[in-house]
Amino acid sequence: MSTWNRPRCVCVQQCVAIYPTDRFGIVRREAALTRDISDDDLAAAIRRKDLLRLTPGAFVVNSDSFTGPSGADELYRLRSVATATSGFVGEVTLPLSHESAAAMHKLPLLKPNRDLVHVTNGRASGGSKRTLRHIHAGVLLPTEIVDIDGIRATSIERAAVDIACGGTFAQALTVFDSAKRLGADAEQMAEILARRRRRGIAAARRALPLSDALAESVGESWSRAQMIDAGVASPRLQHRFRCGTTTYRSDFDWQADGERAGVVGEFDGLEKYGRLRRPGESVADAVIREKVREDALRAHGLIVVRWTWSVLERGGLIALLRPWLSPDALAS
């Protein structure tokens, strides 16, 4: 029976002070035991949600930063780190790959598969799924392995290609957009892709030349994928409009064709307003400022069409755009 009687944590700072963390912010069972924190204490902390379990023997102090999509991203990154640094008896530590490497590179993805931590064995065969890990078979060149804060992972280019080859066209376009936005080398991705001979290669090869670093979010990339699949004319991305003394930037726009006004398309996601927030500004303030911006674009003679994640989920984007785009734009 443990004699460790500290009170339940009432804030993250207290929890961090109580539980020993490593340089990644992970609480390891072995370190906790040296502080006279027993397995029963750890189990009780998990029930209270003071700690979140990453892997057996590895935990993280709970906080509001783990809520929402960005919080889920960070939790998965920590789970990948915990798995990569835990060690497996009789096994050489394998580099993180696929979604786990993407998490290390902070590469935004569309509906990623995060049931397991992904690693690659460096061989042409021998892939398998374990309790914690998906071990992928695949030869890795030395240039395709990088060190990220002491963790071995595949390069951003290799991770993007691996993910693109295992997903839909929309997922492939999203990961290539994200990779280019973060500075990935397009030629290297094309070279890696050229060596692949696996199922799913067609979507990836189609997506890479259509990808664009100007796409600023997963929602914008998914929007473009639906436009491309529907044959809608490619919009300009992040074009700047001068409205009076102020310049505004749009997510998408299609220029006027003589008979119809120009059309601006805007993807509205919660993460967008987080990006737009200025120091000391609330999300509500950012939303109001966006409304002023929209009014200015309309006063400039532009039609503004907005959509949300739910529109993309139900495949309703093209029906939303159709009344406003010219026949030529819809039949390109």
Protein backbone atom coordinates (compact mmCIF):
# COMPACT_ATOMS: atom_id res chain seq x y z
CA MET A 1 0.00 0.00 0.00
CA SER A 2 1.40 3.35 -1.02
CA THR A 3 1.97 6.00 1.62
CA TRP A 4 2.11 8.74 -1.02
CA ASN A 5 -0.65 11.12 0.05
CA ARG A 6 -0.32 14.25 -2.07
CA PRO A 7 -3.70 15.90 -2.81
CA ARG A 8 -5.29 15.73 -6.23
CA CYS A 9 -3.77 18.27 -8.64
CA VAL A 10 -5.85 21.39 -9.08
CA CYS A 11 -3.75 22.87 -11.87
CA VAL A 12 -1.22 21.80 -14.47
CA GLN A 13 1.65 23.56 -12.70
CA GLN A 14 1.06 21.53 -9.53
CA CYS A 15 0.92 18.29 -11.50
CA VAL A 16 4.16 19.12 -13.28
CA ALA A 17 5.78 19.80 -9.90
CA ILE A 18 4.50 16.49 -8.48
CA TYR A 19 5.26 14.13 -11.36
CA PRO A 20 8.79 13.86 -12.75
CA THR A 21 8.95 14.56 -16.48
CA ASP A 22 11.69 13.95 -19.00
CA ARG A 23 12.88 16.44 -21.62
CA PHE A 24 9.84 15.65 -23.76
CA GLY A 25 7.43 16.38 -20.92
CA ILE A 26 6.62 12.67 -20.51
CA VAL A 27 6.14 11.08 -17.08
CA ARG A 28 7.92 7.71 -17.01
CA ARG A 29 6.88 4.99 -14.58
CA GLU A 30 10.46 4.27 -13.55
CA ALA A 31 11.11 7.92 -12.67
CA ALA A 32 7.81 8.13 -10.77
CA LEU A 33 8.72 5.08 -8.67
CA THR A 34 11.95 6.78 -7.60
CA ARG A 35 9.78 9.62 -6.22
CA ASP A 36 7.78 7.10 -4.14
CA ILE A 37 4.83 7.44 -6.53
CA SER A 38 3.45 3.91 -6.77
CA ASP A 39 1.58 2.18 -9.59
CA ASP A 40 -1.59 2.64 -7.55
CA ASP A 41 -0.91 6.38 -7.36
CA LEU A 42 -0.42 6.54 -11.11
CA ALA A 43 -3.61 4.57 -11.73
CA ALA A 44 -5.53 6.92 -9.44
CA ALA A 45 -4.11 9.95 -11.27
CA ILE A 46 -5.30 8.50 -14.56
CA ARG A 47 -8.80 7.93 -13.15
CA ARG A 48 -8.86 11.56 -11.96
CA LYS A 49 -7.61 12.59 -15.42
CA ASP A 50 -4.61 14.33 -13.88
CA LEU A 51 -2.48 12.09 -16.12
CA LEU A 52 -3.18 10.74 -19.61
CA ARG A 53 -1.69 7.38 -20.60
CA LEU A 54 0.45 7.49 -23.74
CA THR A 55 1.80 3.95 -23.71
CA PRO A 56 2.28 1.41 -20.91
CA GLY A 57 4.62 3.11 -18.46
CA ALA A 58 4.49 6.54 -20.12
CA PHE A 59 2.07 9.35 -19.26
CA VAL A 60 1.60 13.07 -19.74
CA VAL A 61 0.15 15.68 -17.39
CA ASN A 62 -3.35 16.57 -18.60
CA SER A 63 -4.08 20.13 -19.73
CA ASP A 64 -6.45 22.16 -21.88
CA SER A 65 -3.81 22.15 -24.62
CA PHE A 66 -4.82 18.58 -25.47
CA THR A 67 -8.36 19.53 -26.50
CA GLY A 68 -9.52 19.96 -30.09
CA PRO A 69 -7.76 18.86 -33.29
CA SER A 70 -4.45 20.53 -32.42
CA GLY A 71 -4.51 18.90 -28.99
CA ALA A 72 -5.10 15.49 -30.56
CA ASP A 73 -2.13 16.16 -32.85
CA GLU A 74 0.11 16.91 -29.89
CA LEU A 75 -1.06 13.87 -27.92
CA TYR A 76 -0.30 11.62 -30.88
CA ARG A 77 3.14 13.21 -31.27
CA LEU A 78 3.88 12.49 -27.61
CA ARG A 79 2.60 8.92 -27.98
CA SER A 80 4.95 8.47 -30.93
CA VAL A 81 7.86 9.89 -28.92
CA ALA A 82 7.01 7.67 -25.96
CA THR A 83 6.94 4.58 -28.17
CA ALA A 84 10.17 5.52 -29.95
CA THR A 85 12.03 6.06 -26.66
CA SER A 86 10.65 3.16 -24.64
CA GLY A 87 12.79 0.47 -26.25
CA PHE A 88 11.73 -3.04 -27.16
CA VAL A 89 13.74 -6.02 -25.90
CA GLY A 90 15.82 -7.60 -28.66
CA GLU A 91 14.85 -5.01 -31.26
CA VAL A 92 16.74 -2.20 -32.92
CA THR A 93 14.91 1.10 -32.55
CA LEU A 94 13.16 1.79 -35.85
CA PRO A 95 12.61 5.29 -37.24
CA LEU A 96 9.15 6.78 -36.93
CA SER A 97 7.41 7.01 -40.29
CA HIS A 98 4.09 7.75 -41.98
CA GLU A 99 1.66 9.54 -39.62
CA SER A 100 4.12 9.34 -36.72
CA ALA A 101 6.88 11.05 -38.70
CA ALA A 102 4.32 13.60 -39.86
CA ALA A 103 3.50 14.29 -36.21
CA MET A 104 7.19 14.92 -35.49
CA HIS A 105 7.40 17.31 -38.46
CA LYS A 106 4.08 18.91 -37.35
CA LEU A 107 2.70 18.17 -40.80
CA PRO A 108 -1.09 18.77 -40.95
CA LEU A 109 -3.06 15.82 -42.38
CA LEU A 110 -6.61 15.06 -43.48
CA LYS A 111 -8.20 12.34 -41.34
CA PRO A 112 -4.93 10.60 -40.37
CA ASN A 113 -4.77 6.99 -39.16
CA ARG A 114 -3.54 7.24 -35.58
CA ASP A 115 -4.63 3.94 -34.12
CA LEU A 116 -0.99 2.86 -33.91
CA VAL A 117 2.47 4.41 -33.92
CA HIS A 118 4.07 3.94 -37.35
CA VAL A 119 7.69 2.87 -37.94
CA THR A 120 9.55 1.53 -40.98
CA ASN A 121 11.96 -1.42 -40.81
CA GLY A 122 14.29 -0.42 -43.67
CA ARG A 123 13.76 -3.73 -45.52
CA ALA A 124 11.71 -4.77 -48.53
CA SER A 125 9.67 -7.20 -46.43
CA GLY A 126 8.80 -8.00 -42.84
CA GLY A 127 6.02 -5.57 -42.11
CA SER A 128 3.59 -6.36 -39.30
CA LYS A 129 1.15 -4.85 -36.83
CA ARG A 130 1.82 -5.09 -33.10
CA THR A 131 -0.12 -3.94 -30.06
CA LEU A 132 1.39 -0.47 -30.16
CA ARG A 133 3.05 -0.20 -33.54
CA HIS A 134 2.48 -0.66 -37.24
CA ILE A 135 5.84 -1.81 -38.60
CA HIS A 136 5.96 -0.98 -42.30
CA ALA A 137 8.26 -2.79 -44.70
CA GLY A 138 10.26 -0.40 -46.83
CA VAL A 139 13.83 0.35 -47.85
CA LEU A 140 15.03 3.70 -46.53
CA LEU A 141 17.89 5.67 -48.04
CA PRO A 142 20.23 7.40 -45.56
CA THR A 143 18.94 10.77 -46.82
CA GLU A 144 15.38 9.74 -45.90
CA ILE A 145 16.11 9.49 -42.16
CA VAL A 146 16.46 12.61 -40.02
CA ASP A 147 16.95 13.41 -36.35
CA ILE A 148 14.24 15.51 -34.70
CA ASP A 149 15.10 16.43 -31.13
CA GLY A 150 16.97 13.15 -30.71
CA ILE A 151 14.22 11.02 -32.31
CA ARG A 152 14.90 9.20 -35.59
CA ALA A 153 12.15 9.71 -38.15
CA THR A 154 11.72 9.65 -41.89
CA SER A 155 12.23 12.96 -43.68
CA ILE A 156 9.28 15.20 -44.37
CA GLU A 157 9.50 14.26 -48.06
CA ARG A 158 9.47 10.51 -47.36
CA ALA A 159 6.69 10.84 -44.78
CA ALA A 160 4.53 12.81 -47.21
CA VAL A 161 4.95 10.24 -49.98
CA ASP A 162 4.28 7.31 -47.62
CA ILE A 163 1.05 8.92 -46.42
CA ALA A 164 -0.04 9.96 -49.91
CA CYS A 165 0.41 6.41 -51.20
CA GLY A 166 -1.82 5.03 -48.46
CA GLY A 167 -4.72 7.45 -48.77
CA THR A 168 -7.31 9.00 -51.03
CA PHE A 169 -6.64 11.73 -53.57
CA ALA A 170 -7.85 14.34 -51.06
CA GLN A 171 -5.50 13.00 -48.37
CA ALA A 172 -2.60 12.91 -50.85
CA LEU A 173 -3.21 16.48 -52.01
CA THR A 174 -3.48 17.66 -48.40
CA VAL A 175 -0.22 16.09 -47.28
CA PHE A 176 1.66 17.38 -50.34
CA ASP A 177 0.21 20.88 -49.84
CA SER A 178 1.26 20.78 -46.19
CA ALA A 179 4.73 19.44 -46.96
CA LYS A 180 5.40 22.10 -49.57
CA ARG A 181 4.12 24.79 -47.20
CA LEU A 182 6.66 23.60 -44.60
CA GLY A 183 9.50 23.71 -47.12
CA ALA A 184 9.65 20.13 -48.41
CA ASP A 185 11.57 19.60 -51.65
CA ALA A 186 9.11 18.83 -54.47
CA GLU A 187 11.81 17.19 -56.60
CA GLN A 188 12.75 14.83 -53.77
CA MET A 189 9.11 13.86 -53.29
CA ALA A 190 8.82 13.18 -57.02
CA GLU A 191 11.98 11.03 -56.92
CA ILE A 192 10.72 9.03 -53.93
CA LEU A 193 7.34 8.61 -55.60
CA ALA A 194 8.97 7.41 -58.84
CA ARG A 195 10.53 4.48 -56.94
CA ARG A 196 7.18 3.29 -55.59
CA ARG A 197 5.35 0.36 -57.16
CA ARG A 198 2.57 -0.13 -54.64
CA ARG A 199 -1.20 0.08 -54.64
CA GLY A 200 -2.40 3.63 -54.13
CA ILE A 201 0.37 5.14 -56.21
CA ALA A 202 -2.06 6.59 -58.78
CA ALA A 203 -3.72 9.02 -56.36
CA ALA A 204 -0.34 10.18 -55.07
CA ARG A 205 1.09 10.71 -58.55
CA ARG A 206 -1.99 12.65 -59.56
CA ALA A 207 -1.88 14.81 -56.43
CA LEU A 208 1.78 15.84 -56.34
CA PRO A 209 1.84 18.11 -59.43
CA LEU A 210 -1.47 19.67 -58.36
CA SER A 211 -0.29 20.46 -54.83
CA ASP A 212 0.40 24.04 -53.82
CA ALA A 213 2.25 25.56 -50.86
CA LEU A 214 -0.20 28.48 -50.86
CA ALA A 215 -2.97 26.27 -49.42
CA GLU A 216 -2.94 27.35 -45.78
CA SER A 217 -4.94 24.65 -44.02
CA VAL A 218 -6.28 21.11 -44.25
CA GLY A 219 -9.74 22.53 -44.98
CA GLU A 220 -8.43 24.56 -47.90
CA SER A 221 -6.64 21.52 -49.32
CA TRP A 222 -9.74 19.34 -48.99
CA SER A 223 -11.76 22.08 -50.67
CA ARG A 224 -9.34 22.13 -53.62
CA ALA A 225 -9.48 18.34 -53.88
CA GLN A 226 -13.26 18.47 -54.21
CA MET A 227 -12.98 21.24 -56.82
CA ILE A 228 -10.43 19.24 -58.82
CA ASP A 229 -12.51 16.06 -58.70
CA ALA A 230 -15.54 18.02 -59.94
CA GLY A 231 -13.61 19.65 -62.78
CA VAL A 232 -14.00 23.19 -61.44
CA ALA A 233 -11.53 25.70 -62.85
CA SER A 234 -8.53 26.14 -60.59
CA PRO A 235 -8.95 29.23 -58.40
CA ARG A 236 -6.21 31.64 -57.50
CA LEU A 237 -4.95 31.09 -53.98
CA GLN A 238 -4.26 33.86 -51.44
CA HIS A 239 -4.83 36.69 -53.92
CA ARG A 240 -4.73 40.21 -52.49
CA PHE A 241 -7.52 42.71 -53.20
CA ARG A 242 -7.06 46.41 -52.65
CA CYS A 243 -10.28 47.79 -51.10
CA GLY A 244 -9.90 51.51 -50.46
CA THR A 245 -6.90 51.96 -48.20
CA THR A 246 -6.86 48.32 -47.04
CA THR A 247 -5.61 45.16 -48.70
CA TYR A 248 -7.45 41.88 -48.08
CA ARG A 249 -6.35 38.37 -48.94
CA SER A 250 -8.75 35.62 -50.02
CA ASP A 251 -8.50 31.85 -49.69
CA PHE A 252 -9.72 31.30 -53.28
CA ASP A 253 -10.97 33.47 -56.09
CA TRP A 254 -12.21 33.19 -59.65
CA GLN A 255 -11.89 36.30 -61.78
CA ALA A 256 -14.83 38.09 -63.40
CA ASP A 257 -15.59 36.92 -66.96
CA GLY A 258 -17.40 39.96 -68.35
CA GLU A 259 -20.87 38.72 -67.50
CA ARG A 260 -20.38 37.58 -63.93
CA ALA A 261 -18.72 39.27 -61.00
CA GLY A 262 -15.56 37.86 -59.52
CA VAL A 263 -16.10 35.20 -56.86
CA VAL A 264 -14.17 34.86 -53.61
CA GLY A 265 -14.29 31.53 -51.78
CA GLU A 266 -13.57 31.32 -48.06
CA PHE A 267 -13.16 28.18 -45.97
CA ASP A 268 -14.29 28.84 -42.40
CA GLY A 269 -12.67 26.57 -39.86
CA LEU A 270 -12.11 27.13 -36.16
CA GLU A 271 -8.35 26.85 -36.71
CA LYS A 272 -8.59 29.71 -39.21
CA TYR A 273 -9.79 32.15 -36.58
CA GLY A 274 -7.07 30.92 -34.25
CA ARG A 275 -4.50 31.81 -36.91
CA LEU A 276 -6.09 35.21 -37.52
CA ARG A 277 -6.13 36.25 -33.87
CA ARG A 278 -3.89 39.16 -33.04
CA PRO A 279 -2.11 39.50 -29.67
CA GLY A 280 -4.69 40.08 -26.95
CA GLU A 281 -7.57 39.40 -29.31
CA SER A 282 -10.34 36.83 -28.75
CA VAL A 283 -11.73 34.46 -31.39
CA ALA A 284 -14.92 36.58 -31.37
CA ASP A 285 -12.83 39.67 -32.19
CA ALA A 286 -11.26 37.82 -35.12
CA VAL A 287 -14.70 36.74 -36.38
CA ILE A 288 -15.98 40.34 -36.27
CA ARG A 289 -12.89 41.55 -38.12
CA GLU A 290 -13.50 38.88 -40.77
CA LYS A 291 -17.08 40.17 -41.19
CA VAL A 292 -15.75 43.68 -41.83
CA ARG A 293 -13.33 42.21 -44.37
CA GLU A 294 -16.14 40.33 -46.11
CA ASP A 295 -18.28 43.47 -46.33
CA ALA A 296 -15.35 45.34 -47.89
CA LEU A 297 -14.85 42.61 -50.52
CA ARG A 298 -18.55 42.71 -51.40
CA ALA A 299 -18.45 46.51 -51.67
CA HIS A 300 -15.55 45.99 -54.09
CA GLY A 301 -17.97 44.16 -56.41
CA LEU A 302 -17.03 40.61 -55.45
CA ILE A 303 -19.34 37.75 -54.54
CA VAL A 304 -18.18 36.06 -51.32
CA VAL A 305 -19.07 32.39 -50.79
CA ARG A 306 -18.21 30.78 -47.46
CA TRP A 307 -18.26 27.14 -46.38
CA THR A 308 -17.39 25.08 -43.33
CA TRP A 309 -16.00 21.66 -42.53
CA SER A 310 -19.51 20.17 -42.42
CA VAL A 311 -20.07 21.22 -46.06
CA LEU A 312 -16.92 19.34 -47.06
CA GLU A 313 -17.96 16.31 -45.00
CA ARG A 314 -21.25 15.95 -46.86
CA GLY A 315 -19.72 16.75 -50.27
CA GLY A 316 -21.78 19.91 -50.71
CA LEU A 317 -19.10 22.35 -51.86
CA ILE A 318 -19.71 22.18 -55.60
CA ALA A 319 -23.46 22.65 -55.21
CA LEU A 320 -22.69 25.73 -53.09
CA LEU A 321 -20.34 27.19 -55.72
CA ARG A 322 -22.34 26.27 -58.83
CA PRO A 323 -24.81 29.21 -58.80
CA TRP A 324 -21.97 31.74 -58.71
CA LEU A 325 -19.38 30.36 -61.12
CA SER A 326 -19.54 30.73 -64.88
CA PRO A 327 -20.33 27.67 -67.05
CA ASP A 328 -16.74 27.76 -68.31
CA ALA A 329 -15.37 27.60 -64.77
CA LEU A 330 -17.63 24.62 -63.94
CA ALA A 331 -16.74 22.71 -67.12
CA SER A 332 -12.98 23.17 -67.20
